[in-house]
Protein backbone atom coordinates (compact mmCIF):
# COMPACT_ATOMS: atom_id res chain seq x y z
CA MET A 1 0.00 0.00 0.00
CA PRO A 2 1.61 3.29 -1.01
CA ILE A 3 2.32 5.87 1.66
CA GLU A 4 0.09 8.92 1.50
CA SER A 5 1.43 12.06 -0.07
CA LEU A 6 2.41 14.92 2.19
CA ASP A 7 -0.75 16.80 1.26
CA ASP A 8 -2.93 13.81 2.18
CA CYS A 9 -1.17 13.47 5.53
CA LEU A 10 -1.59 17.16 6.27
CA LYS A 11 -5.36 16.78 6.12
CA ASP A 12 -5.12 14.57 9.21
CA LEU A 13 -3.68 17.34 11.37
CA PRO A 14 -5.84 18.09 14.40
CA ARG A 15 -7.69 21.40 14.34
CA ASP A 16 -6.00 22.41 17.58
CA ALA A 17 -2.51 21.81 16.19
CA ILE A 18 -1.60 25.41 16.97
CA THR A 19 -1.59 25.08 20.74
CA LYS A 20 -2.48 28.00 22.97
CA PRO A 21 0.52 29.22 24.97
CA ALA A 22 -1.46 29.39 28.24
CA LYS A 23 -2.59 25.76 28.01
CA GLN A 24 0.86 24.69 26.91
CA LEU A 25 2.41 26.38 29.93
CA GLN A 26 -0.16 24.85 32.28
CA GLU A 27 0.57 21.38 30.90
CA LEU A 28 4.32 21.90 31.19
CA GLN A 29 3.88 22.89 34.81
CA LEU A 30 1.96 19.67 35.46
CA VAL A 31 4.73 17.69 33.79
CA ARG A 32 7.45 19.40 35.80
CA ARG A 33 5.54 18.78 39.05
CA SER A 34 5.06 15.14 38.03
CA GLN A 35 8.79 14.81 37.41
CA THR A 36 9.39 15.79 41.03
CA GLY A 37 7.13 12.94 42.17
CA ASP A 38 3.84 14.84 42.46
CA ALA A 39 1.29 12.06 41.90
CA ASP A 40 -1.65 14.47 41.94
CA ALA A 41 -0.18 16.44 39.03
CA PHE A 42 0.36 13.24 37.08
CA ALA A 43 -3.21 12.17 37.83
CA GLU A 44 -4.38 15.37 36.12
CA LEU A 45 -2.38 14.46 33.03
CA VAL A 46 -3.83 10.96 33.08
CA ALA A 47 -7.38 12.31 33.35
CA LYS A 48 -6.70 14.73 30.49
CA TYR A 49 -5.32 12.18 28.05
CA ARG A 50 -6.71 8.78 29.09
CA ALA A 51 -9.56 8.79 26.55
CA LYS A 52 -7.35 9.99 23.69
CA ILE A 53 -4.67 7.40 24.42
CA PHE A 54 -7.29 4.66 24.64
CA THR A 55 -8.51 5.65 21.17
CA VAL A 56 -4.95 5.47 19.80
CA VAL A 57 -4.36 2.03 21.31
CA TYR A 58 -7.76 0.63 20.40
CA ARG A 59 -7.26 1.64 16.75
CA ILE A 60 -4.21 -0.63 16.75
CA VAL A 61 -5.24 -3.68 18.79
CA ARG A 62 -9.00 -3.57 18.06
CA HIS A 63 -9.83 -5.33 21.32
CA GLU A 64 -11.28 -3.37 24.23
CA GLN A 65 -9.78 -5.29 27.16
CA ASP A 66 -6.35 -5.47 25.53
CA ALA A 67 -6.55 -1.73 24.86
CA LEU A 68 -7.49 -1.00 28.48
CA ASP A 69 -4.58 -3.13 29.74
CA ILE A 70 -2.13 -1.45 27.39
CA VAL A 71 -3.34 2.04 28.34
CA GLN A 72 -2.72 1.21 31.98
CA ASP A 73 0.79 0.03 31.05
CA VAL A 74 1.36 3.19 28.97
CA PHE A 75 0.68 5.51 31.89
CA PHE A 76 2.70 3.33 34.26
CA LYS A 77 5.61 3.46 31.80
CA ALA A 78 5.11 7.21 31.36
CA TRP A 79 5.30 7.71 35.12
CA GLN A 80 8.51 5.67 35.28
CA SER A 81 10.04 7.45 32.27
CA LEU A 82 9.04 11.05 32.99
CA HIS A 83 12.64 11.97 33.66
CA GLN A 84 13.33 11.26 29.97
CA PHE A 85 10.83 13.89 28.80
CA GLU A 86 12.83 17.00 27.94
CA GLY A 87 10.08 19.12 26.40
CA ARG A 88 11.40 18.96 22.82
CA SER A 89 7.88 18.03 21.72
CA SER A 90 4.56 18.44 23.51
CA PHE A 91 3.86 16.02 26.32
CA TYR A 92 0.96 14.59 24.31
CA VAL A 93 3.18 13.80 21.32
CA TRP A 94 5.63 12.06 23.66
CA LEU A 95 2.79 10.11 25.30
CA TYR A 96 1.19 9.38 21.92
CA ARG A 97 4.42 7.91 20.57
CA LEU A 98 4.85 5.80 23.70
CA ALA A 99 1.29 4.45 23.38
CA MET A 100 1.76 3.64 19.71
CA ASN A 101 5.02 1.82 20.32
CA MET A 102 3.60 -0.25 23.16
CA ALA A 103 0.45 -1.14 21.22
CA CYS A 104 2.42 -2.17 18.13
CA PHE A 105 4.83 -4.17 20.29
CA SER A 106 1.85 -5.96 21.82
CA ILE A 107 0.60 -6.89 18.36
CA ARG A 108 4.00 -8.24 17.34
CA ARG A 109 4.48 -10.14 20.61
CA ARG A 110 1.08 -11.77 20.78
CA GLY A 111 0.50 -12.15 17.06
CA GLN A 112 -2.97 -11.98 15.60
CA ARG A 113 -5.76 -12.71 18.07
CA LYS A 114 -7.74 -15.90 17.48
CA ASP A 115 -10.73 -13.95 16.24
CA GLU A 116 -8.53 -12.47 13.49
CA VAL A 117 -7.11 -15.77 12.23
CA LEU A 118 -9.66 -15.91 9.45
CA SER A 119 -8.98 -12.35 8.36
CA ASP A 120 -7.33 -13.55 5.13
CA ALA A 121 -10.37 -15.63 4.25
CA ILE A 122 -13.04 -13.17 5.32
CA PRO A 123 -12.92 -9.77 3.60
CA SER A 124 -12.82 -6.87 6.02
CA SER A 125 -13.04 -3.14 5.56
CA LEU A 126 -10.77 -2.62 8.58
CA PRO A 127 -7.06 -2.10 7.96
CA SER A 128 -4.66 -4.70 9.33
CA PRO A 129 -2.90 -3.92 12.63
CA ARG A 130 0.38 -3.49 10.69
CA LEU A 131 -1.11 -0.86 8.38
CA THR A 132 -2.82 0.82 11.32
CA CYS A 133 0.51 1.01 13.16
CA GLN A 134 2.12 2.45 10.05
CA ARG A 135 -0.49 5.17 9.69
CA ILE A 136 -0.40 6.05 13.40
CA GLU A 137 3.38 6.29 13.23
CA ILE A 138 3.14 8.67 10.28
CA GLU A 139 0.63 10.82 12.19
CA VAL A 140 2.91 11.00 15.22
CA TRP A 141 5.89 12.05 13.10
CA LEU A 142 3.72 14.54 11.25
CA ASN A 143 2.48 16.19 14.44
CA ALA A 144 6.00 16.34 15.84
CA ALA A 145 7.32 17.85 12.60
CA PHE A 146 4.43 20.29 12.38
CA ALA A 147 5.20 21.56 15.88
CA LYS A 148 8.66 22.58 14.65
CA LEU A 149 7.26 24.99 12.08
CA SER A 150 6.88 28.66 12.90
CA ALA A 151 3.40 29.85 13.87
CA GLU A 152 3.11 31.69 10.54
CA HIS A 153 3.93 28.57 8.55
CA ARG A 154 1.61 26.38 10.63
CA ALA A 155 -1.23 28.80 10.02
CA VAL A 156 -1.02 28.73 6.22
CA VAL A 157 -0.65 24.93 6.13
CA LEU A 158 -3.71 24.42 8.33
CA LEU A 159 -5.84 26.89 6.40
CA LYS A 160 -4.84 25.39 3.03
CA GLU A 161 -4.74 21.66 3.76
CA HIS A 162 -7.14 21.29 6.68
CA GLU A 163 -9.69 24.04 6.06
CA GLY A 164 -9.49 23.85 2.27
CA MET A 165 -9.08 27.59 1.74
CA GLN A 166 -7.83 29.02 -1.55
CA TYR A 167 -4.70 31.17 -1.63
CA HIS A 168 -6.61 34.43 -1.92
CA GLU A 169 -8.88 33.42 0.96
CA ILE A 170 -5.88 32.73 3.18
CA ALA A 171 -4.37 36.08 2.21
CA THR A 172 -7.57 37.86 3.22
CA PHE A 173 -7.99 35.83 6.39
CA LEU A 174 -4.43 36.51 7.59
CA ASN A 175 -4.22 39.99 6.10
CA ILE A 176 -1.08 39.21 4.13
CA SER A 177 -0.24 39.31 0.43
CA LEU A 178 -0.92 36.44 -1.96
CA GLY A 179 2.80 36.13 -2.59
CA THR A 180 3.48 35.78 1.12
CA VAL A 181 0.90 32.99 1.37
CA MET A 182 2.50 31.08 -1.48
CA SER A 183 5.99 31.61 -0.11
CA ARG A 184 5.11 30.47 3.40
CA LEU A 185 3.29 27.41 2.11
CA PHE A 186 6.20 26.46 -0.14
CA TYR A 187 8.80 26.73 2.63
CA ALA A 188 6.55 25.03 5.20
CA LYS A 189 6.02 21.99 2.97
CA ARG A 190 9.69 21.83 2.10
CA ARG A 191 10.54 21.87 5.79
CA LEU A 192 7.97 19.15 6.53
CA ARG A 193 9.30 16.92 3.76
CA SER A 194 12.79 17.27 5.22
CA LEU A 195 11.61 16.45 8.75
CA LEU A 196 9.50 13.50 7.58
CA ARG A 197 12.13 11.96 5.29
CA PRO A 198 13.34 9.43 7.94
CA ILE A 199 9.89 7.91 8.43
CA TYR A 200 9.24 7.67 4.69
CA GLU A 201 12.59 5.95 4.16
CA GLN A 202 12.02 3.29 6.80
CA LEU A 203 8.46 2.34 5.79
């Protein structure tokens, strides 16, 4: 199955990809408190992201109880490994990558579940766990790469690829020239392709 083009991947960016500084600071404070052993601060992070991480894991393993068990392991591992988080990406991206890795490892370790043994014989519209892992991994890399763009470049990419605006609409919306829109979009996509090259080469 061919890997999606950069433009196709960009459409999967979350609408809140441009994080609000206040919320980002609040989250970082919770992380720093957690790194000092503050269990209450970590509990707030767990409550904030438990549902999202469950969705990530469930998309991979497609079994509710397995997903619940893995999510519990993810947060336990996150608590043990918090000292390794240096803030180079958002805490959610770090947690998201950890969840994806643990879910994919679970699939490889356990193999296909018994109820999936007939998957080759029975057509299914659901992607295989391997393809699901691949797509999730691309999304994680994409979000991490996107976070490295400047706010101006993130804005034009989101408006063009996620909101479907035309160049002149973006220019009006951001109160910049058409040439500036085209320039920012060109350099943003070039930067993303450079940042995403490792994941494309290994898949």
